[in-house]
Amino acid sequence: MKDPSIRRSLTLFRAFMNEQSEPEHCYGLLARDAVSQVERYEPLAGRTVLDIGGGSGHFTEEFRRRGARCYLFEPDPAELGAHGRRTPGAVLADGYLLPVPDGTADVCFSSNVLEHVADPQTFISEMVRVTRPGGLIYLSFTNWYSPWGGHETAPWHYLGAARARARYERKHGRPAKHTLGENLFAVHVGPTLRHVRSRDDVQVVTARSRYWPFLAGAITRVPGVREIATWNLLLILRRCPHVDEH
């Protein structure tokens, strides 16, 4: 699918709406789309890719299908076995402290994980550490003020996280999977952009909405508006070729 395009955005949105009933279709489609985005900037055949927080392995499997040596790192054992799947070679590991040497990856990949970590800057630093000089970093997350920022409680999170959770439990008869401050955090577009642009170890190749069908890069440049309209921020970073290690 052409990216960005209205057709692509509608296809992904329909898949997201049926994620609970058709997870294989949803995550398979998302994996193919994301890996195609990576291939715009970095050839994958024979390259080493680290998939950080990749859950049940859809992204890892897609990278492998395209010829990459991809390794999955996931901190939650339940996620590794979600949907009855098990990815060969997956490693139970925290994204804050990856068990790999500096400069291991040609591509370090993280899709929709940053909003689930309490310390995003440390998480980003660890992604940079394990990427070789000149290597690519793909980082995408759902920002809190996005219409999907509350995840399964959205869009009621705009009225407050606690109120949104209470409404979800009344409607569905079970607690929501995510709790703000425990396994979901309010990460914002503006501060994240300022952080990566202030770093001397990465270059920002692109900062854009991951799913928006037009003006995907322009909306991230408008303070205030970007916190809602971006929906999901996609950062493509390049590790600087000459970095002094401290």
C-alpha atoms as a PDB file:
ATOM      1  CA  MET A   1       0.000   0.000   0.000  1.00  0.00           C
ATOM      2  CA  LYS A   2       1.185   3.497  -0.771  1.00  0.00           C
ATOM      3  CA  ASP A   3       2.327   5.358   2.338  1.00  0.00           C
ATOM      4  CA  PRO A   4       0.874   7.799   3.156  1.00  0.00           C
ATOM      5  CA  SER A   5      -2.510   7.331   1.462  1.00  0.00           C
ATOM      6  CA  ILE A   6      -6.163   7.371   2.447  1.00  0.00           C
ATOM      7  CA  ARG A   7      -6.559   3.744   1.324  1.00  0.00           C
ATOM      8  CA  ARG A   8      -3.691   2.602   3.558  1.00  0.00           C
ATOM      9  CA  SER A   9      -4.986   4.537   6.564  1.00  0.00           C
ATOM     10  CA  LEU A  10      -8.506   3.145   6.176  1.00  0.00           C
ATOM     11  CA  THR A  11      -7.178  -0.410   5.791  1.00  0.00           C
ATOM     12  CA  LEU A  12      -5.110  -0.115   8.959  1.00  0.00           C
ATOM     13  CA  PHE A  13      -7.951   1.542  10.877  1.00  0.00           C
ATOM     14  CA  ARG A  14     -10.372  -1.259   9.973  1.00  0.00           C
ATOM     15  CA  ALA A  15      -7.792  -3.808  11.121  1.00  0.00           C
ATOM     16  CA  PHE A  16      -7.326  -1.974  14.441  1.00  0.00           C
ATOM     17  CA  MET A  17     -11.080  -1.971  15.040  1.00  0.00           C
ATOM     18  CA  ASN A  18     -11.113  -5.782  14.727  1.00  0.00           C
ATOM     19  CA  GLU A  19      -7.886  -6.372  16.659  1.00  0.00           C
ATOM     20  CA  GLN A  20      -9.609  -8.320  19.462  1.00  0.00           C
ATOM     21  CA  SER A  21     -11.446 -10.696  17.128  1.00  0.00           C
ATOM     22  CA  GLU A  22      -8.824 -10.966  14.365  1.00  0.00           C
ATOM     23  CA  PRO A  23      -5.399 -10.400  15.989  1.00  0.00           C
ATOM     24  CA  GLU A  24      -3.422 -12.359  13.392  1.00  0.00           C
ATOM     25  CA  HIS A  25      -4.811 -10.265  10.552  1.00  0.00           C
ATOM     26  CA  CYS A  26      -4.347  -6.994  12.440  1.00  0.00           C
ATOM     27  CA  TYR A  27      -0.775  -7.550  13.611  1.00  0.00           C
ATOM     28  CA  GLY A  28       0.292  -9.267  10.419  1.00  0.00           C
ATOM     29  CA  LEU A  29      -0.888  -6.276   8.389  1.00  0.00           C
ATOM     30  CA  LEU A  30       0.785  -3.843  10.779  1.00  0.00           C
ATOM     31  CA  ALA A  31       4.037  -5.802  10.631  1.00  0.00           C
ATOM     32  CA  ARG A  32       4.112  -5.814   6.830  1.00  0.00           C
ATOM     33  CA  ASP A  33       3.408  -2.084   6.788  1.00  0.00           C
ATOM     34  CA  ALA A  34       6.071  -1.206   9.396  1.00  0.00           C
ATOM     35  CA  VAL A  35       8.793  -3.377   7.871  1.00  0.00           C
ATOM     36  CA  SER A  36       8.098  -1.787   4.482  1.00  0.00           C
ATOM     37  CA  GLN A  37       8.646   1.593   6.145  1.00  0.00           C
ATOM     38  CA  VAL A  38      12.025   0.419   7.436  1.00  0.00           C
ATOM     39  CA  GLU A  39      13.016  -0.849   3.977  1.00  0.00           C
ATOM     40  CA  ARG A  40      12.655   2.651   2.591  1.00  0.00           C
ATOM     41  CA  TYR A  41      15.741   3.617   4.563  1.00  0.00           C
ATOM     42  CA  GLU A  42      17.710   0.412   5.072  1.00  0.00           C
ATOM     43  CA  PRO A  43      17.999  -2.791   3.015  1.00  0.00           C
ATOM     44  CA  LEU A  44      17.151  -5.776   5.185  1.00  0.00           C
ATOM     45  CA  ALA A  45      18.662  -8.834   3.538  1.00  0.00           C
ATOM     46  CA  GLY A  46      21.491 -10.086   5.725  1.00  0.00           C
ATOM     47  CA  ARG A  47      21.113  -7.250   8.255  1.00  0.00           C
ATOM     48  CA  THR A  48      20.866  -7.673  12.026  1.00  0.00           C
ATOM     49  CA  VAL A  49      17.596  -6.337  13.458  1.00  0.00           C
ATOM     50  CA  LEU A  50      16.617  -6.104  17.119  1.00  0.00           C
ATOM     51  CA  ASP A  51      12.861  -6.031  17.743  1.00  0.00           C
ATOM     52  CA  ILE A  52      12.415  -4.412  21.163  1.00  0.00           C
ATOM     53  CA  GLY A  53       9.146  -5.197  22.932  1.00  0.00           C
ATOM     54  CA  GLY A  54       7.790  -7.032  19.902  1.00  0.00           C
ATOM     55  CA  GLY A  55       5.252  -9.105  21.838  1.00  0.00           C
ATOM     56  CA  SER A  56       4.258 -12.335  20.136  1.00  0.00           C
ATOM     57  CA  GLY A  57       6.681 -11.835  17.252  1.00  0.00           C
ATOM     58  CA  HIS A  58       4.743 -10.623  14.207  1.00  0.00           C
ATOM     59  CA  PHE A  59       7.350  -7.951  13.414  1.00  0.00           C
ATOM     60  CA  THR A  60      10.251 -10.339  13.982  1.00  0.00           C
ATOM     61  CA  GLU A  61       8.735 -12.902  11.648  1.00  0.00           C
ATOM     62  CA  GLU A  62       8.179 -10.281   8.922  1.00  0.00           C
ATOM     63  CA  PHE A  63      11.787  -9.068   9.187  1.00  0.00           C
ATOM     64  CA  ARG A  64      12.964 -12.676   8.874  1.00  0.00           C
ATOM     65  CA  ARG A  65      10.761 -13.216   5.825  1.00  0.00           C
ATOM     66  CA  ARG A  66      12.589 -10.346   4.174  1.00  0.00           C
ATOM     67  CA  GLY A  67      15.992 -11.831   4.821  1.00  0.00           C
ATOM     68  CA  ALA A  68      17.046 -10.101   8.050  1.00  0.00           C
ATOM     69  CA  ARG A  69      18.556 -11.787  11.086  1.00  0.00           C
ATOM     70  CA  CYS A  70      15.972 -10.548  13.567  1.00  0.00           C
ATOM     71  CA  TYR A  71      15.982 -11.116  17.329  1.00  0.00           C
ATOM     72  CA  LEU A  72      12.991 -10.474  19.565  1.00  0.00           C
ATOM     73  CA  PHE A  73      13.363  -9.010  23.067  1.00  0.00           C
ATOM     74  CA  GLU A  74      10.198  -8.923  25.185  1.00  0.00           C
ATOM     75  CA  PRO A  75       9.885  -8.392  28.981  1.00  0.00           C
ATOM     76  CA  ASP A  76       6.451  -9.980  29.413  1.00  0.00           C
ATOM     77  CA  PRO A  77       6.261 -13.812  29.217  1.00  0.00           C
ATOM     78  CA  ALA A  78       2.507 -13.599  28.604  1.00  0.00           C
ATOM     79  CA  GLU A  79       3.065 -11.436  25.526  1.00  0.00           C
ATOM     80  CA  LEU A  80       5.642 -13.848  24.130  1.00  0.00           C
ATOM     81  CA  GLY A  81       2.989 -16.558  24.077  1.00  0.00           C
ATOM     82  CA  ALA A  82       0.024 -14.373  23.143  1.00  0.00           C
ATOM     83  CA  HIS A  83      -2.451 -15.647  20.532  1.00  0.00           C
ATOM     84  CA  GLY A  84      -1.012 -19.148  20.921  1.00  0.00           C
ATOM     85  CA  ARG A  85       2.224 -18.178  19.189  1.00  0.00           C
ATOM     86  CA  ARG A  86       5.861 -18.650  20.141  1.00  0.00           C
ATOM     87  CA  THR A  87       8.665 -17.039  18.160  1.00  0.00           C
ATOM     88  CA  PRO A  88      11.851 -19.152  17.960  1.00  0.00           C
ATOM     89  CA  GLY A  89      14.856 -17.471  19.508  1.00  0.00           C
ATOM     90  CA  ALA A  90      12.862 -14.886  21.483  1.00  0.00           C
ATOM     91  CA  VAL A  91      14.613 -13.485  24.566  1.00  0.00           C
ATOM     92  CA  LEU A  92      12.903 -12.494  27.799  1.00  0.00           C
ATOM     93  CA  ALA A  93      14.569  -9.120  28.441  1.00  0.00           C
ATOM     94  CA  ASP A  94      13.850  -5.571  29.552  1.00  0.00           C
ATOM     95  CA  GLY A  95      14.253  -2.769  27.018  1.00  0.00           C
ATOM     96  CA  TYR A  96      16.065  -0.694  29.630  1.00  0.00           C
ATOM     97  CA  LEU A  97      18.946  -3.201  29.769  1.00  0.00           C
ATOM     98  CA  LEU A  98      19.294  -5.294  26.647  1.00  0.00           C
ATOM     99  CA  PRO A  99      21.668  -8.290  26.889  1.00  0.00           C
ATOM    100  CA  VAL A 100      23.642  -7.389  23.756  1.00  0.00           C
ATOM    101  CA  PRO A 101      26.930  -5.523  23.176  1.00  0.00           C
ATOM    102  CA  ASP A 102      27.144  -1.927  21.975  1.00  0.00           C
ATOM    103  CA  GLY A 103      26.630  -1.446  18.256  1.00  0.00           C
ATOM    104  CA  THR A 104      25.105  -4.857  17.590  1.00  0.00           C
ATOM    105  CA  ALA A 105      22.168  -3.858  15.383  1.00  0.00           C
ATOM    106  CA  ASP A 106      21.971  -2.560  11.857  1.00  0.00           C
ATOM    107  CA  VAL A 107      18.342  -1.740  12.687  1.00  0.00           C
ATOM    108  CA  CYS A 108      16.837  -1.302  16.146  1.00  0.00           C
ATOM    109  CA  PHE A 109      13.045  -1.442  15.962  1.00  0.00           C
ATOM    110  CA  SER A 110      10.336  -0.581  18.492  1.00  0.00           C
ATOM    111  CA  SER A 111       6.647  -0.368  17.611  1.00  0.00           C
ATOM    112  CA  ASN A 112       4.135   1.005  20.129  1.00  0.00           C
ATOM    113  CA  VAL A 113       6.249   0.291  23.192  1.00  0.00           C
ATOM    114  CA  LEU A 114       7.395   3.730  24.380  1.00  0.00           C
ATOM    115  CA  GLU A 115       4.012   4.604  25.921  1.00  0.00           C
ATOM    116  CA  HIS A 116       4.333   1.504  28.112  1.00  0.00           C
ATOM    117  CA  VAL A 117       7.649   2.428  29.770  1.00  0.00           C
ATOM    118  CA  ALA A 118       8.040   4.731  32.753  1.00  0.00           C
ATOM    119  CA  ASP A 119      11.333   6.238  31.566  1.00  0.00           C
ATOM    120  CA  PRO A 120      11.192   6.862  27.792  1.00  0.00           C
ATOM    121  CA  GLN A 121      14.552   8.643  27.634  1.00  0.00           C
ATOM    122  CA  THR A 122      16.418   5.697  29.141  1.00  0.00           C
ATOM    123  CA  PHE A 123      14.602   3.343  26.766  1.00  0.00           C
ATOM    124  CA  ILE A 124      15.654   5.484  23.781  1.00  0.00           C
ATOM    125  CA  SER A 125      19.242   5.636  25.040  1.00  0.00           C
ATOM    126  CA  GLU A 126      19.374   1.851  25.203  1.00  0.00           C
ATOM    127  CA  MET A 127      18.089   1.589  21.632  1.00  0.00           C
ATOM    128  CA  VAL A 128      20.839   3.981  20.534  1.00  0.00           C
ATOM    129  CA  ARG A 129      23.503   2.060  22.459  1.00  0.00           C
ATOM    130  CA  VAL A 130      22.807  -1.242  20.725  1.00  0.00           C
ATOM    131  CA  THR A 131      22.689   0.308  17.236  1.00  0.00           C
ATOM    132  CA  ARG A 132      25.906   0.473  15.215  1.00  0.00           C
ATOM    133  CA  PRO A 133      27.198   3.873  14.058  1.00  0.00           C
ATOM    134  CA  GLY A 134      25.322   4.642  10.848  1.00  0.00           C
ATOM    135  CA  GLY A 135      22.559   2.191  11.782  1.00  0.00           C
ATOM    136  CA  LEU A 136      18.837   2.890  11.763  1.00  0.00           C
ATOM    137  CA  ILE A 137      16.441   3.281  14.694  1.00  0.00           C
ATOM    138  CA  TYR A 138      12.683   2.917  14.142  1.00  0.00           C
ATOM    139  CA  LEU A 139      10.647   4.215  17.071  1.00  0.00           C
ATOM    140  CA  SER A 140       6.875   4.575  17.038  1.00  0.00           C
ATOM    141  CA  PHE A 141       4.422   5.226  19.868  1.00  0.00           C
ATOM    142  CA  THR A 142       0.864   6.316  20.584  1.00  0.00           C
ATOM    143  CA  ASN A 143       0.972   9.698  22.322  1.00  0.00           C
ATOM    144  CA  TRP A 144      -1.374  10.311  25.267  1.00  0.00           C
ATOM    145  CA  TYR A 145      -3.503  13.045  23.676  1.00  0.00           C
ATOM    146  CA  SER A 146      -4.027  10.971  20.551  1.00  0.00           C
ATOM    147  CA  PRO A 147      -7.645   9.841  20.075  1.00  0.00           C
ATOM    148  CA  TRP A 148      -6.233   6.352  20.758  1.00  0.00           C
ATOM    149  CA  GLY A 149      -4.011   7.472  23.645  1.00  0.00           C
ATOM    150  CA  GLY A 150      -6.011   5.633  26.302  1.00  0.00           C
ATOM    151  CA  HIS A 151      -5.817   2.410  24.277  1.00  0.00           C
ATOM    152  CA  GLU A 152      -8.888   0.295  25.047  1.00  0.00           C
ATOM    153  CA  THR A 153     -10.423   3.092  27.175  1.00  0.00           C
ATOM    154  CA  ALA A 154     -10.109   5.688  24.391  1.00  0.00           C
ATOM    155  CA  PRO A 155     -11.481   8.242  23.711  1.00  0.00           C
ATOM    156  CA  TRP A 156     -12.815   8.525  27.268  1.00  0.00           C
ATOM    157  CA  HIS A 157      -9.280   9.087  28.587  1.00  0.00           C
ATOM    158  CA  TYR A 158      -9.800  12.732  27.595  1.00  0.00           C
ATOM    159  CA  LEU A 159     -12.129  12.945  30.616  1.00  0.00           C
ATOM    160  CA  GLY A 160      -9.501  11.429  32.917  1.00  0.00           C
ATOM    161  CA  ALA A 161      -7.803   8.042  33.090  1.00  0.00           C
ATOM    162  CA  ALA A 162      -9.632   6.864  36.229  1.00  0.00           C
ATOM    163  CA  ARG A 163     -13.036   7.818  34.840  1.00  0.00           C
ATOM    164  CA  ALA A 164     -12.220   6.070  31.556  1.00  0.00           C
ATOM    165  CA  ARG A 165     -11.212   2.865  33.359  1.00  0.00           C
ATOM    166  CA  ALA A 166     -14.381   2.899  35.472  1.00  0.00           C
ATOM    167  CA  ARG A 167     -16.510   3.315  32.359  1.00  0.00           C
ATOM    168  CA  TYR A 168     -14.692   0.454  30.618  1.00  0.00           C
ATOM    169  CA  GLU A 169     -15.269  -1.899  33.550  1.00  0.00           C
ATOM    170  CA  ARG A 170     -18.967  -1.013  33.753  1.00  0.00           C
ATOM    171  CA  LYS A 171     -19.409  -1.643  30.043  1.00  0.00           C
ATOM    172  CA  HIS A 172     -17.340  -4.817  29.673  1.00  0.00           C
ATOM    173  CA  GLY A 173     -17.581  -6.373  33.113  1.00  0.00           C
ATOM    174  CA  ARG A 174     -13.812  -6.663  33.490  1.00  0.00           C
ATOM    175  CA  PRO A 175     -10.940  -4.272  34.240  1.00  0.00           C
ATOM    176  CA  ALA A 176      -9.112  -2.609  31.373  1.00  0.00           C
ATOM    177  CA  LYS A 177      -5.747  -4.129  30.489  1.00  0.00           C
ATOM    178  CA  HIS A 178      -3.900  -0.833  30.880  1.00  0.00           C
ATOM    179  CA  THR A 179      -3.621   1.427  33.926  1.00  0.00           C
ATOM    180  CA  LEU A 180      -2.099   4.887  33.647  1.00  0.00           C
ATOM    181  CA  GLY A 181       1.071   5.057  35.728  1.00  0.00           C
ATOM    182  CA  GLU A 182       1.492   1.267  35.857  1.00  0.00           C
ATOM    183  CA  ASN A 183       1.685  -0.167  32.331  1.00  0.00           C
ATOM    184  CA  LEU A 184       0.623   2.902  30.333  1.00  0.00           C
ATOM    185  CA  PHE A 185       2.229   6.338  30.533  1.00  0.00           C
ATOM    186  CA  ALA A 186       1.404   9.787  29.200  1.00  0.00           C
ATOM    187  CA  VAL A 187       4.097  10.295  26.566  1.00  0.00           C
ATOM    188  CA  HIS A 188       3.817  13.426  24.425  1.00  0.00           C
ATOM    189  CA  VAL A 189       4.998  14.409  20.951  1.00  0.00           C
ATOM    190  CA  GLY A 190       6.633  17.755  21.772  1.00  0.00           C
ATOM    191  CA  PRO A 191       8.908  16.615  24.621  1.00  0.00           C
ATOM    192  CA  THR A 192       9.908  13.480  22.705  1.00  0.00           C
ATOM    193  CA  LEU A 193      10.878  15.494  19.626  1.00  0.00           C
ATOM    194  CA  ARG A 194      12.867  17.954  21.736  1.00  0.00           C
ATOM    195  CA  HIS A 195      14.700  15.084  23.406  1.00  0.00           C
ATOM    196  CA  VAL A 196      15.790  13.271  20.241  1.00  0.00           C
ATOM    197  CA  ARG A 197      16.751  16.540  18.526  1.00  0.00           C
ATOM    198  CA  SER A 198      18.916  17.527  21.483  1.00  0.00           C
ATOM    199  CA  ARG A 199      20.917  14.292  21.406  1.00  0.00           C
ATOM    200  CA  ASP A 200      24.371  14.313  19.833  1.00  0.00           C
ATOM    201  CA  ASP A 201      24.389  10.581  19.091  1.00  0.00           C
ATOM    202  CA  VAL A 202      21.476  10.423  16.620  1.00  0.00           C
ATOM    203  CA  GLN A 203      20.259  12.326  13.594  1.00  0.00           C
ATOM    204  CA  VAL A 204      16.505  12.669  13.045  1.00  0.00           C
ATOM    205  CA  VAL A 205      15.827  11.372   9.540  1.00  0.00           C
ATOM    206  CA  THR A 206      12.067  11.834   9.743  1.00  0.00           C
ATOM    207  CA  ALA A 207       9.435  12.678  12.337  1.00  0.00           C
ATOM    208  CA  ARG A 208       5.898  12.092  11.122  1.00  0.00           C
ATOM    209  CA  SER A 209       2.531  10.610  11.862  1.00  0.00           C
ATOM    210  CA  ARG A 210       2.701   6.871  11.355  1.00  0.00           C
ATOM    211  CA  TYR A 211      -0.882   6.438  10.120  1.00  0.00           C
ATOM    212  CA  TRP A 212      -2.140   9.849   8.950  1.00  0.00           C
ATOM    213  CA  PRO A 213      -3.033   9.800   5.210  1.00  0.00           C
ATOM    214  CA  PHE A 214      -1.680  13.234   4.216  1.00  0.00           C
ATOM    215  CA  LEU A 215       0.656  15.971   5.525  1.00  0.00           C
ATOM    216  CA  ALA A 216       2.102  13.289   7.792  1.00  0.00           C
ATOM    217  CA  GLY A 217       5.250  15.292   8.499  1.00  0.00           C
ATOM    218  CA  ALA A 218       3.660  18.732   8.590  1.00  0.00           C
ATOM    219  CA  ILE A 219       1.331  18.026  11.512  1.00  0.00           C
ATOM    220  CA  THR A 220       4.233  17.136  13.805  1.00  0.00           C
ATOM    221  CA  ARG A 221       5.565  20.682  13.377  1.00  0.00           C
ATOM    222  CA  VAL A 222       2.475  22.391  14.808  1.00  0.00           C
ATOM    223  CA  PRO A 223       2.630  22.622  18.635  1.00  0.00           C
ATOM    224  CA  GLY A 224      -0.605  21.730  20.373  1.00  0.00           C
ATOM    225  CA  VAL A 225      -2.287  20.388  17.257  1.00  0.00           C
ATOM    226  CA  ARG A 226       0.336  17.652  16.902  1.00  0.00           C
ATOM    227  CA  GLU A 227      -0.506  16.224  20.310  1.00  0.00           C
ATOM    228  CA  ILE A 228      -3.938  15.211  18.994  1.00  0.00           C
ATOM    229  CA  ALA A 229      -3.629  15.015  15.218  1.00  0.00           C
ATOM    230  CA  THR A 230      -0.432  12.955  15.044  1.00  0.00           C
ATOM    231  CA  TRP A 231      -2.233   9.894  16.488  1.00  0.00           C
ATOM    232  CA  ASN A 232       1.009   7.921  16.523  1.00  0.00           C
ATOM    233  CA  LEU A 233       4.472   9.473  16.224  1.00  0.00           C
ATOM    234  CA  LEU A 234       6.987   7.714  13.977  1.00  0.00           C
ATOM    235  CA  LEU A 235      10.643   8.592  14.395  1.00  0.00           C
ATOM    236  CA  ILE A 236      13.308   7.332  12.023  1.00  0.00           C
ATOM    237  CA  LEU A 237      16.707   8.039  13.550  1.00  0.00           C
ATOM    238  CA  ARG A 238      20.216   7.375  12.285  1.00  0.00           C
ATOM    239  CA  ARG A 239      22.987   6.635  14.797  1.00  0.00           C
ATOM    240  CA  CYS A 240      25.732   9.196  14.259  1.00  0.00           C
ATOM    241  CA  PRO A 241      28.762   7.597  12.617  1.00  0.00           C
ATOM    242  CA  HIS A 242      31.317   9.032  15.030  1.00  0.00           C
ATOM    243  CA  VAL A 243      30.259   9.103  18.667  1.00  0.00           C
ATOM    244  CA  ASP A 244      32.604   9.344  21.615  1.00  0.00           C
ATOM    245  CA  GLU A 245      31.697   6.638  24.111  1.00  0.00           C
ATOM    246  CA  HIS A 246      31.676   7.680  27.763  1.00  0.00           C
END
